[in-house]
Amino acid sequence: MVKSVVFDETGQAVGSADERVAILSPRPGWHEEDPDASWQACCRTIRSAIADAGITGGDVAGVGIAAHMGGAWIVDDQGRPVRNAICWPDERAQSLLTRLEIEGSLEEVFRISGNGLMPGITLMILSWLNANEPEIRKRAAAVLSAKDYLRYRLTGVIATDPSDVSFVPGDIDQRTHSDRLVTLLGAHGWDPMMPDIVPSGAIAGEVTAEAAEETGLAPGTLVITGCGDAVANVVGAGRSRPGEAITVLGTSCLNSLIVDRPGREPEGLGFLFAMPDENYLRILPNTSGTITMDWFLDHFGGIRDAAGKWDFPAMEQRVAATPRGADGVLLLPYVNTAGVLAPFYDPRARGSFFGMSNQTTRDHLMRAVYEALAFATRDCLAAMPGEIDVLTLTGGGARSAFWSQMFADVCKIPIEISTAQQTGATGVALMAGVAAGIWPDLATAQAATLSISARFEPDPLASAQYEDWYDLYRDLRDVYRGFSDRRSRLLEEVRA
């Protein structure tokens, strides 16, 4: 989705609009976007959000932007896309990743970057292009992330920020690009195309006259550099202090802990991103977050409301009537083609339902989906360094009181919900507000605009009942891991 949200000086969303972006898949496992189509969707949603707020573009003090990280949005010296953007769920570089794993290179990658590799990470994509589309590099002038491309269209300025550099990946200790990683991952020749790094909250440029015409914003409106969505969500949830934990229940379920140094624990797993305040975000992601729910509903159906949208309250009523443990049905929610990055590393891992019979209904399967994402989150939190006393839950799934209570029961810790409804947009809006002089600093902006709207305490009985199901879930994922390589080799034979 492309979402545009207008906030007032109290941090309240007063206008919004969103539009679904087409996922292009010219070959199985490929995940692309048309950059021009994404920009046009951005323009339309900005215009609609401004209209929804009942203001004019001249009333906007500043613009912040966040977007999905990784992948490659490549432009020529005129700023025109040289091909479709390749996005992070793409798996075309899987064979390269397998080779690096066999060679034992992943440990050095993690030591430099603090990041586990996945096929859709930027340098992996560039390496694949070197081998398969070498003409692209000859035409390229810059390699951007999604937010950097959209910001370029707004301002005409090519740049990036430390958070997105983290996922190229770069040198996390220095917060810069890494020549060694470019060489190690086979992305030679792309070094000159890496953009300048500008602080996330700095003013990166102003809305151009052309972009103003397309978006309805006023020419000269300041635009900050912005940051990757993982970091923006944490800022927008009001969390900025080391030791605070946040789970973004979105497309990818990002289980995050703010730390004051670039620590790598647990070794070889997950991500480590630079935050705008010199802290770091340690992430152990379940790459299959609400994409699992989307997949289930798209293929197995569900209850819709009068407008034809999914009626989650009605579906949750039916799921709530199904016993904990879904009458013995468990789901390993590894449906993302990126595989699993935490709490173990296996880009070949895929999902599976277990325990079905001819008595199994769609309600059982759907309850298993809800429970699986809670189990997967606990699995990742258990691998985090230190004790987590409370978890802030954000993202679309956090709007469900039913699901939030389930997370508290499964994870056995209190769950807090931030007042921010669009945490990614809120995060970069607050940063833009600081740049525009509305607040003196980010901490003040967060304190002035954000609070906790709900808190869910673990139910002792439910937690006790879930404990054995969680143990079975962990045993299942270990058993199924043994099949990943075999399945992958068989699939390669079929596709050859």
Protein backbone atom coordinates (compact mmCIF):
# COMPACT_ATOMS: atom_id res chain seq x y z
CA MET A 1 0.00 0.00 0.00
CA VAL A 2 0.88 3.64 -0.47
CA LYS A 3 -0.54 5.65 2.43
CA SER A 4 -0.57 9.40 2.93
CA VAL A 5 -1.59 10.87 6.29
CA VAL A 6 -1.99 14.49 7.41
CA PHE A 7 -1.25 15.19 11.10
CA ASP A 8 -1.97 18.31 13.15
CA GLU A 9 0.34 19.77 15.80
CA THR A 10 -1.15 17.49 18.48
CA GLY A 11 -0.13 14.41 16.52
CA GLN A 12 -3.69 13.54 15.52
CA ALA A 13 -4.34 12.17 12.04
CA VAL A 14 -6.83 14.57 10.43
CA GLY A 15 -6.80 13.23 6.88
CA SER A 16 -5.63 10.10 5.13
CA ALA A 17 -5.79 8.10 1.94
CA ASP A 18 -4.31 4.84 0.74
CA GLU A 19 -4.03 2.91 -2.48
CA ARG A 20 -2.94 -0.64 -3.17
CA VAL A 21 0.20 -1.08 -5.25
CA ALA A 22 0.28 -3.83 -7.85
CA ILE A 23 2.83 -6.58 -7.14
CA LEU A 24 4.44 -7.67 -10.39
CA SER A 25 5.66 -11.25 -10.59
CA PRO A 26 6.97 -11.96 -14.12
CA ARG A 27 8.48 -15.21 -12.83
CA PRO A 28 7.69 -17.38 -9.78
CA GLY A 29 9.29 -15.92 -6.66
CA TRP A 30 9.90 -12.49 -8.23
CA HIS A 31 8.44 -9.42 -6.49
CA GLU A 32 8.58 -6.13 -8.39
CA GLU A 33 6.87 -2.72 -8.51
CA ASP A 34 6.50 -0.23 -11.34
CA PRO A 35 8.22 2.89 -9.88
CA ASP A 36 6.16 5.30 -11.97
CA ALA A 37 2.93 3.61 -10.88
CA SER A 38 4.00 3.82 -7.24
CA TRP A 39 4.81 7.52 -7.65
CA GLN A 40 1.43 8.21 -9.25
CA ALA A 41 -0.28 6.39 -6.38
CA CYS A 42 1.74 8.54 -3.99
CA CYS A 43 0.58 11.70 -5.77
CA ARG A 44 -3.07 10.65 -5.71
CA THR A 45 -3.03 9.71 -2.03
CA ILE A 46 -1.31 12.97 -1.04
CA ARG A 47 -4.00 14.96 -2.87
CA SER A 48 -6.75 12.86 -1.32
CA ALA A 49 -5.31 13.09 2.20
CA ILE A 50 -5.04 16.88 1.93
CA ALA A 51 -8.66 17.06 0.75
CA ASP A 52 -9.76 14.67 3.51
CA ALA A 53 -8.12 16.97 6.08
CA GLY A 54 -9.97 19.99 4.67
CA ILE A 55 -6.77 21.98 4.17
CA THR A 56 -4.62 23.19 1.29
CA GLY A 57 -1.10 22.15 0.41
CA GLY A 58 0.13 25.48 1.75
CA ASP A 59 -0.98 24.47 5.26
CA VAL A 60 1.55 21.60 5.36
CA ALA A 61 4.66 22.52 7.38
CA GLY A 62 6.80 19.57 6.38
CA VAL A 63 6.79 16.12 4.79
CA GLY A 64 8.28 12.91 6.16
CA ILE A 65 8.50 9.68 4.24
CA ALA A 66 9.03 6.03 5.18
CA ALA A 67 8.82 2.87 3.11
CA HIS A 68 9.75 -0.78 2.92
CA MET A 69 13.50 -1.41 2.98
CA GLY A 70 15.91 -3.45 0.86
CA GLY A 71 15.43 -4.28 -2.80
CA ALA A 72 16.65 -1.92 -5.50
CA TRP A 73 15.02 1.11 -7.16
CA ILE A 74 17.56 1.97 -9.86
CA VAL A 75 17.53 5.23 -11.83
CA ASP A 76 19.62 6.67 -14.67
CA ASP A 77 21.35 10.05 -14.77
CA GLN A 78 18.02 11.70 -15.61
CA GLY A 79 16.35 10.10 -12.59
CA ARG A 80 14.31 7.72 -14.73
CA PRO A 81 13.84 4.10 -13.64
CA VAL A 82 16.00 1.74 -15.70
CA ARG A 83 13.77 -1.23 -14.88
CA ASN A 84 11.00 -2.22 -12.50
CA ALA A 85 11.92 -1.91 -8.83
CA ILE A 86 12.86 -5.19 -7.16
CA CYS A 87 11.47 -5.39 -3.61
CA TRP A 88 12.66 -7.21 -0.49
CA PRO A 89 10.36 -10.30 -0.67
CA ASP A 90 11.97 -11.20 -4.03
CA GLU A 91 13.78 -14.57 -4.06
CA ARG A 92 15.61 -14.52 -7.42
CA ALA A 93 19.01 -14.33 -5.66
CA GLN A 94 18.33 -17.48 -3.60
CA SER A 95 21.01 -19.55 -5.36
CA LEU A 96 23.61 -16.86 -4.62
CA LEU A 97 22.61 -16.90 -0.98
CA THR A 98 22.95 -20.67 -0.89
CA ARG A 99 26.46 -20.40 -2.36
CA LEU A 100 27.49 -17.79 0.22
CA GLU A 101 26.16 -20.06 2.94
CA ILE A 102 28.19 -23.02 1.63
CA GLU A 103 31.32 -20.85 1.35
CA GLY A 104 30.94 -19.73 4.96
CA SER A 105 30.71 -16.04 4.06
CA LEU A 106 27.60 -15.28 6.10
CA GLU A 107 29.53 -14.93 9.35
CA GLU A 108 31.66 -12.10 7.94
CA VAL A 109 28.57 -10.40 6.50
CA PHE A 110 26.93 -10.49 9.92
CA ARG A 111 30.09 -9.29 11.67
CA ILE A 112 30.23 -6.19 9.46
CA SER A 113 26.54 -5.39 9.12
CA GLY A 114 24.76 -7.03 12.06
CA ASN A 115 22.29 -8.39 9.51
CA GLY A 116 21.39 -11.86 8.39
CA LEU A 117 21.12 -12.07 4.63
CA MET A 118 18.01 -12.67 2.59
CA PRO A 119 17.62 -12.84 -1.20
CA GLY A 120 15.90 -9.45 -1.46
CA ILE A 121 18.55 -7.43 0.36
CA THR A 122 20.00 -4.71 -1.91
CA LEU A 123 23.52 -6.05 -2.54
CA MET A 124 22.12 -9.51 -3.27
CA ILE A 125 19.84 -8.03 -5.93
CA LEU A 126 22.72 -6.04 -7.45
CA SER A 127 24.86 -9.18 -7.56
CA TRP A 128 22.07 -11.00 -9.37
CA LEU A 129 21.78 -8.13 -11.86
CA ASN A 130 25.53 -8.31 -12.52
CA ALA A 131 25.15 -11.96 -13.48
CA ASN A 132 21.81 -11.82 -15.29
CA GLU A 133 21.11 -8.26 -16.48
CA PRO A 134 24.58 -6.66 -16.81
CA GLU A 135 23.28 -3.95 -19.14
CA ILE A 136 21.33 -2.43 -16.22
CA ARG A 137 24.52 -1.30 -14.45
CA LYS A 138 25.72 0.43 -17.61
CA ARG A 139 22.59 2.59 -17.63
CA ALA A 140 22.38 3.15 -13.87
CA ALA A 141 23.32 6.31 -11.97
CA ALA A 142 21.89 5.61 -8.49
CA VAL A 143 20.55 2.72 -6.43
CA LEU A 144 17.73 3.89 -4.17
CA SER A 145 15.38 2.39 -1.64
CA ALA A 146 11.62 2.82 -2.00
CA LYS A 147 11.41 5.90 0.22
CA ASP A 148 14.47 7.45 -1.42
CA TYR A 149 12.90 7.10 -4.87
CA LEU A 150 9.62 8.70 -3.81
CA ARG A 151 11.48 11.48 -1.99
CA TYR A 152 13.59 12.06 -5.12
CA ARG A 153 10.37 12.51 -7.11
CA LEU A 154 9.22 15.06 -4.52
CA THR A 155 12.47 17.03 -4.30
CA GLY A 156 14.79 16.13 -7.16
CA VAL A 157 17.47 15.26 -4.58
CA ILE A 158 19.26 11.89 -4.54
CA ALA A 159 20.17 10.75 -1.01
CA THR A 160 19.57 8.06 1.59
CA ASP A 161 19.66 7.73 5.38
CA PRO A 162 21.49 5.47 7.88
CA SER A 163 18.50 3.21 8.51
CA ASP A 164 18.14 2.20 4.86
CA VAL A 165 21.93 1.88 4.52
CA SER A 166 21.71 -0.69 7.34
CA PHE A 167 19.72 -2.96 5.04
CA VAL A 168 21.87 -2.57 1.92
CA PRO A 169 23.64 -3.81 4.10
CA GLY A 170 26.42 -1.47 5.21
CA ASP A 171 28.92 -1.17 8.03
CA ILE A 172 26.64 -0.85 11.05
CA ASP A 173 29.39 0.37 13.40
CA GLN A 174 30.30 3.26 11.07
CA ARG A 175 26.74 3.76 9.73
CA THR A 176 28.14 3.87 6.19
CA HIS A 177 28.30 1.77 3.05
CA SER A 178 30.81 -1.09 3.11
CA ASP A 179 33.25 -1.66 0.24
CA ARG A 180 34.05 -5.07 1.70
CA LEU A 181 30.41 -6.18 1.57
CA VAL A 182 30.04 -4.93 -2.01
CA THR A 183 32.98 -7.15 -2.96
CA LEU A 184 32.02 -10.10 -0.79
CA LEU A 185 28.48 -10.26 -2.15
CA GLY A 186 29.48 -9.85 -5.80
CA ALA A 187 27.98 -6.38 -6.32
CA HIS A 188 31.17 -5.00 -7.87
CA GLY A 189 30.79 -1.91 -10.00
CA TRP A 190 27.80 -0.56 -8.09
CA ASP A 191 29.85 1.40 -5.52
CA PRO A 192 29.60 4.74 -7.38
CA MET A 193 25.81 4.42 -7.53
CA MET A 194 25.37 4.41 -3.74
CA PRO A 195 23.81 7.77 -2.73
CA ASP A 196 25.08 10.21 -0.12
CA ILE A 197 23.95 9.47 3.43
CA VAL A 198 21.97 12.23 5.17
CA PRO A 199 20.61 12.07 8.77
CA SER A 200 17.05 10.70 8.90
CA GLY A 201 15.56 13.87 10.36
CA ALA A 202 17.55 16.34 8.29
CA ILE A 203 15.95 18.52 5.62
CA ALA A 204 16.83 16.70 2.41
CA GLY A 205 15.17 19.13 0.01
CA GLU A 206 12.00 20.99 -0.89
CA VAL A 207 8.95 20.08 -2.94
CA THR A 208 9.67 21.06 -6.54
CA ALA A 209 7.25 22.99 -8.71
CA GLU A 210 6.64 19.88 -10.81
CA ALA A 211 5.94 17.71 -7.74
CA ALA A 212 3.71 20.43 -6.32
CA GLU A 213 1.62 20.35 -9.47
CA GLU A 214 1.24 16.58 -9.20
CA THR A 215 0.65 16.27 -5.43
CA GLY A 216 -1.12 19.47 -4.39
CA LEU A 217 1.65 20.33 -1.94
CA ALA A 218 3.04 23.87 -2.03
CA PRO A 219 6.35 24.41 -3.84
CA GLY A 220 9.18 24.85 -1.33
CA THR A 221 7.60 22.68 1.39
CA LEU A 222 10.44 21.08 3.34
CA VAL A 223 10.96 17.33 3.02
CA ILE A 224 13.11 15.40 5.48
CA THR A 225 15.27 12.44 4.52
CA GLY A 226 13.00 10.01 6.37
CA CYS A 227 13.79 6.43 7.29
CA GLY A 228 12.93 2.80 6.68
CA ASP A 229 9.54 1.61 7.86
CA ALA A 230 10.95 -0.60 10.64
CA VAL A 231 12.57 2.40 12.34
CA ALA A 232 9.68 4.78 11.58
CA ASN A 233 7.20 2.42 13.24
CA VAL A 234 9.18 2.40 16.48
CA VAL A 235 9.49 6.19 16.54
CA GLY A 236 5.79 6.53 15.77
CA ALA A 237 4.87 4.19 18.60
CA GLY A 238 6.54 6.62 21.00
CA ARG A 239 9.46 4.35 21.79
CA SER A 240 13.03 5.67 21.73
CA ARG A 241 14.75 4.50 24.93
CA PRO A 242 17.09 1.49 25.15
CA GLY A 243 15.36 -1.55 26.61
CA GLU A 244 11.94 -0.80 25.11
CA ALA A 245 10.45 -3.60 22.99
CA ILE A 246 8.06 -3.23 20.05
CA THR A 247 6.39 -5.71 17.74
CA VAL A 248 4.98 -4.38 14.49
CA LEU A 249 2.18 -6.72 13.50
CA GLY A 250 2.31 -5.83 9.84
CA THR A 251 3.16 -7.59 6.57
CA SER A 252 6.38 -8.72 8.21
CA CYS A 253 6.13 -9.16 11.98
CA LEU A 254 9.08 -7.13 13.28
CA ASN A 255 10.03 -7.96 16.86
CA SER A 256 12.32 -5.15 17.94
CA LEU A 257 14.40 -4.09 20.94
CA ILE A 258 16.02 -0.65 21.21
CA VAL A 259 19.68 -0.88 22.21
CA ASP A 260 22.32 1.78 22.82
CA ARG A 261 25.11 0.02 20.96
CA PRO A 262 25.35 -2.10 17.81
CA GLY A 263 25.17 -5.44 19.65
CA ARG A 264 24.87 -8.59 17.55
CA GLU A 265 23.21 -10.95 20.04
CA PRO A 266 21.97 -13.50 19.06
CA GLU A 267 24.78 -14.04 16.54
CA GLY A 268 23.90 -14.52 12.89
CA LEU A 269 20.18 -13.81 13.20
CA GLY A 270 17.86 -10.95 12.35
CA PHE A 271 18.63 -7.32 11.63
CA LEU A 272 20.39 -4.37 13.25
CA PHE A 273 19.29 -0.93 12.03
CA ALA A 274 20.56 2.57 12.78
CA MET A 275 18.02 4.82 14.51
CA PRO A 276 17.86 8.61 14.10
CA ASP A 277 19.01 9.33 17.69
CA GLU A 278 22.25 7.29 17.59
CA ASN A 279 20.58 4.27 19.16
CA TYR A 280 20.05 1.01 17.29
CA LEU A 281 17.14 -1.29 16.63
CA ARG A 282 17.75 -5.01 17.11
CA ILE A 283 15.13 -6.93 15.15
CA LEU A 284 14.27 -10.62 15.10
CA PRO A 285 11.57 -10.74 12.43
CA ASN A 286 8.95 -13.25 11.57
CA THR A 287 9.01 -12.38 7.86
CA SER A 288 5.50 -13.80 7.53
CA GLY A 289 3.36 -11.40 9.54
CA THR A 290 -0.08 -10.32 8.40
CA ILE A 291 0.91 -11.52 4.92
CA THR A 292 -0.06 -14.90 6.41
CA MET A 293 -3.56 -13.66 7.16
CA ASP A 294 -3.80 -12.05 3.70
CA TRP A 295 -2.72 -15.31 2.08
CA PHE A 296 -5.27 -17.32 4.05
CA LEU A 297 -8.19 -15.00 3.33
CA ASP A 298 -7.29 -14.58 -0.34
CA HIS A 299 -7.23 -18.34 -0.91
CA PHE A 300 -9.70 -19.73 1.64
CA GLY A 301 -12.10 -16.81 2.03
CA GLY A 302 -13.80 -15.26 5.03
CA ILE A 303 -16.69 -13.06 6.12
CA ARG A 304 -17.13 -9.74 4.32
CA ASP A 305 -19.11 -6.66 5.37
CA ALA A 306 -21.71 -4.80 3.32
CA ALA A 307 -18.97 -2.85 1.55
CA GLY A 308 -17.23 -6.06 0.50
CA LYS A 309 -14.28 -5.66 2.89
CA TRP A 310 -13.09 -8.34 5.29
CA ASP A 311 -15.23 -8.20 8.44
CA PHE A 312 -12.59 -8.97 11.06
CA PRO A 313 -14.86 -8.45 14.12
CA ALA A 314 -17.33 -11.00 12.73
CA MET A 315 -14.56 -13.46 11.87
CA GLU A 316 -12.99 -13.03 15.30
CA GLN A 317 -16.30 -13.87 16.95
CA ARG A 318 -16.20 -17.25 15.21
CA VAL A 319 -12.51 -17.75 15.98
CA ALA A 320 -13.13 -16.89 19.65
CA ALA A 321 -15.76 -19.64 19.79
CA THR A 322 -13.09 -22.16 18.72
CA PRO A 323 -11.05 -23.62 21.62
CA ARG A 324 -7.45 -22.58 22.24
CA GLY A 325 -5.19 -24.78 20.20
CA ALA A 326 -7.74 -24.76 17.33
CA ASP A 327 -8.82 -28.32 18.09
CA GLY A 328 -5.31 -29.57 17.43
CA VAL A 329 -4.49 -27.60 14.28
CA LEU A 330 -1.17 -25.74 14.25
CA LEU A 331 0.30 -23.56 11.53
CA LEU A 332 3.96 -22.88 10.83
CA PRO A 333 3.43 -19.41 9.32
CA TYR A 334 6.41 -19.37 6.99
CA VAL A 335 4.57 -18.34 3.82
CA ASN A 336 6.90 -15.52 2.79
CA THR A 337 9.24 -16.54 -0.03
CA ALA A 338 12.07 -14.86 1.93
CA GLY A 339 11.98 -17.82 4.32
CA VAL A 340 12.84 -17.53 8.02
CA LEU A 341 15.42 -15.14 9.49
CA ALA A 342 14.67 -15.61 13.21
CA PRO A 343 14.82 -17.26 15.69
CA PHE A 344 16.69 -19.56 13.29
CA TYR A 345 18.06 -18.89 9.81
CA ASP A 346 16.60 -20.80 6.87
CA PRO A 347 15.68 -18.91 3.69
CA ARG A 348 14.33 -22.20 2.30
CA ALA A 349 11.80 -22.75 5.11
CA ARG A 350 8.12 -22.73 4.17
CA GLY A 351 4.86 -23.02 6.07
CA SER A 352 2.58 -25.92 6.83
CA PHE A 353 -0.70 -26.75 8.58
CA PHE A 354 -0.45 -29.70 10.98
CA GLY A 355 -3.16 -31.72 12.67
CA MET A 356 -6.03 -31.47 10.18
CA SER A 357 -8.79 -34.04 9.84
CA ASN A 358 -12.17 -34.27 8.12
CA GLN A 359 -13.55 -32.46 11.19
CA THR A 360 -11.36 -29.43 10.58
CA THR A 361 -13.26 -26.29 9.54
CA ARG A 362 -12.17 -22.96 8.15
CA ASP A 363 -12.67 -21.49 11.64
CA HIS A 364 -10.11 -23.95 13.02
CA LEU A 365 -7.65 -22.98 10.32
CA MET A 366 -8.20 -19.29 10.90
CA ARG A 367 -7.70 -19.62 14.64
CA ALA A 368 -4.46 -21.45 13.87
CA VAL A 369 -3.38 -18.44 11.79
CA TYR A 370 -4.03 -16.04 14.69
CA GLU A 371 -2.23 -18.29 17.16
CA ALA A 372 0.71 -19.01 14.84
CA LEU A 373 1.73 -15.35 14.64
CA ALA A 374 1.59 -15.07 18.44
CA PHE A 375 3.70 -18.24 18.78
CA ALA A 376 6.20 -16.95 16.21
CA THR A 377 6.51 -13.64 18.08
CA ARG A 378 7.16 -15.39 21.39
CA ASP A 379 9.72 -17.58 19.62
CA CYS A 380 11.62 -14.47 18.50
CA LEU A 381 11.28 -12.57 21.79
CA ALA A 382 12.72 -15.55 23.66
CA ALA A 383 15.91 -15.23 21.60
CA MET A 384 16.34 -11.51 22.39
CA PRO A 385 19.10 -10.48 24.82
CA GLY A 386 17.82 -9.60 28.29
CA GLU A 387 14.35 -9.75 29.82
CA ILE A 388 11.37 -8.00 28.22
CA ASP A 389 8.86 -6.76 30.78
CA VAL A 390 6.27 -5.22 28.48
CA LEU A 391 5.70 -5.28 24.72
CA THR A 392 4.25 -2.45 22.63
CA LEU A 393 2.18 -3.89 19.80
CA THR A 394 1.63 -1.79 16.67
CA GLY A 395 0.58 -2.29 13.07
CA GLY A 396 -2.79 -3.15 11.60
CA GLY A 397 -3.18 -6.27 13.74
CA ALA A 398 -2.83 -4.23 16.94
CA ARG A 399 -6.27 -2.72 16.32
CA SER A 400 -7.75 -6.09 17.30
CA ALA A 401 -8.39 -6.38 21.05
CA PHE A 402 -8.95 -10.13 20.56
CA TRP A 403 -5.53 -10.60 18.96
CA SER A 404 -3.76 -8.27 21.42
CA GLN A 405 -5.09 -10.31 24.34
CA MET A 406 -3.93 -13.50 22.61
CA PHE A 407 -0.42 -12.03 22.29
CA ALA A 408 -0.42 -11.22 26.02
CA ASP A 409 -1.58 -14.75 26.88
CA VAL A 410 0.89 -16.52 24.58
CA CYS A 411 3.91 -14.29 25.31
CA LYS A 412 3.05 -14.11 29.05
CA ILE A 413 3.84 -10.38 29.26
CA PRO A 414 1.64 -7.25 29.26
CA ILE A 415 0.82 -5.81 25.84
CA GLU A 416 0.51 -2.04 25.36
CA ILE A 417 -1.13 -0.33 22.38
CA SER A 418 -0.01 3.13 21.31
CA THR A 419 -2.55 5.84 20.50
CA ALA A 420 -0.89 6.20 17.09
CA GLN A 421 -2.92 4.40 14.43
CA GLN A 422 -0.40 4.80 11.62
CA THR A 423 2.89 4.43 13.48
CA GLY A 424 5.16 4.52 10.43
CA ALA A 425 3.55 7.71 9.14
CA THR A 426 3.45 9.15 12.67
CA GLY A 427 7.18 8.54 13.15
CA VAL A 428 8.31 10.47 10.07
CA ALA A 429 5.63 13.14 10.62
CA LEU A 430 7.04 13.86 14.08
CA MET A 431 10.54 14.03 12.61
CA ALA A 432 9.31 16.45 9.95
CA GLY A 433 7.63 18.50 12.69
CA VAL A 434 10.94 18.80 14.51
CA ALA A 435 12.64 19.92 11.29
CA ALA A 436 9.87 22.50 10.77
CA GLY A 437 10.32 23.87 14.30
CA ILE A 438 7.02 22.65 15.74
CA TRP A 439 8.90 20.74 18.48
CA PRO A 440 12.50 21.24 19.65
CA ASP A 441 13.45 17.57 19.47
CA LEU A 442 12.04 14.11 18.84
CA ALA A 443 11.61 13.17 22.52
CA THR A 444 9.50 16.29 23.09
CA ALA A 445 7.44 15.53 19.99
CA GLN A 446 6.74 11.98 21.18
CA ALA A 447 5.82 13.12 24.71
CA ALA A 448 3.48 15.79 23.36
CA THR A 449 1.57 13.58 20.95
CA LEU A 450 1.63 9.92 21.99
CA SER A 451 0.32 7.82 24.85
CA ILE A 452 -0.89 4.29 25.59
CA SER A 453 -4.49 3.66 24.56
CA ALA A 454 -4.89 0.13 25.94
CA ARG A 455 -3.04 -2.45 28.03
CA PHE A 456 -3.69 -6.19 28.04
CA GLU A 457 -2.54 -8.31 30.96
CA PRO A 458 -1.87 -12.05 30.51
CA ASP A 459 -4.71 -14.28 31.66
CA PRO A 460 -3.11 -16.97 33.89
CA LEU A 461 -5.45 -19.76 32.74
CA ALA A 462 -5.03 -18.95 29.04
CA SER A 463 -1.25 -18.65 29.41
CA ALA A 464 -1.08 -22.05 31.10
CA GLN A 465 -3.15 -23.67 28.34
CA TYR A 466 -1.05 -22.09 25.61
CA GLU A 467 2.23 -23.28 27.11
CA ASP A 468 1.95 -26.86 25.84
CA TRP A 469 0.71 -25.71 22.42
CA TYR A 470 3.71 -23.39 22.17
CA ASP A 471 6.05 -26.26 23.04
CA LEU A 472 4.46 -28.39 20.31
CA TYR A 473 4.81 -25.47 17.87
CA ARG A 474 8.55 -25.27 18.57
CA ASP A 475 8.98 -29.04 18.16
CA LEU A 476 7.10 -28.90 14.85
CA ARG A 477 9.22 -26.10 13.42
CA ASP A 478 12.38 -28.04 14.29
CA VAL A 479 11.09 -31.18 12.58
CA TYR A 480 9.96 -29.32 9.46
CA ARG A 481 13.31 -27.51 9.21
CA GLY A 482 14.84 -30.86 8.33
CA PHE A 483 12.75 -31.00 5.16
CA SER A 484 13.61 -27.49 3.86
CA ASP A 485 16.75 -28.35 1.91
CA ARG A 486 15.26 -31.51 0.44
CA ARG A 487 12.15 -29.66 -0.71
CA SER A 488 14.23 -26.86 -2.21
CA ARG A 489 16.37 -29.28 -4.24
CA LEU A 490 13.32 -31.10 -5.56
CA LEU A 491 11.74 -27.81 -6.55
CA GLU A 492 14.88 -26.70 -8.40
CA GLU A 493 14.75 -29.96 -10.41
CA VAL A 494 11.13 -29.29 -11.39
CA ARG A 495 11.86 -25.66 -12.39
CA ALA A 496 15.07 -26.50 -14.29
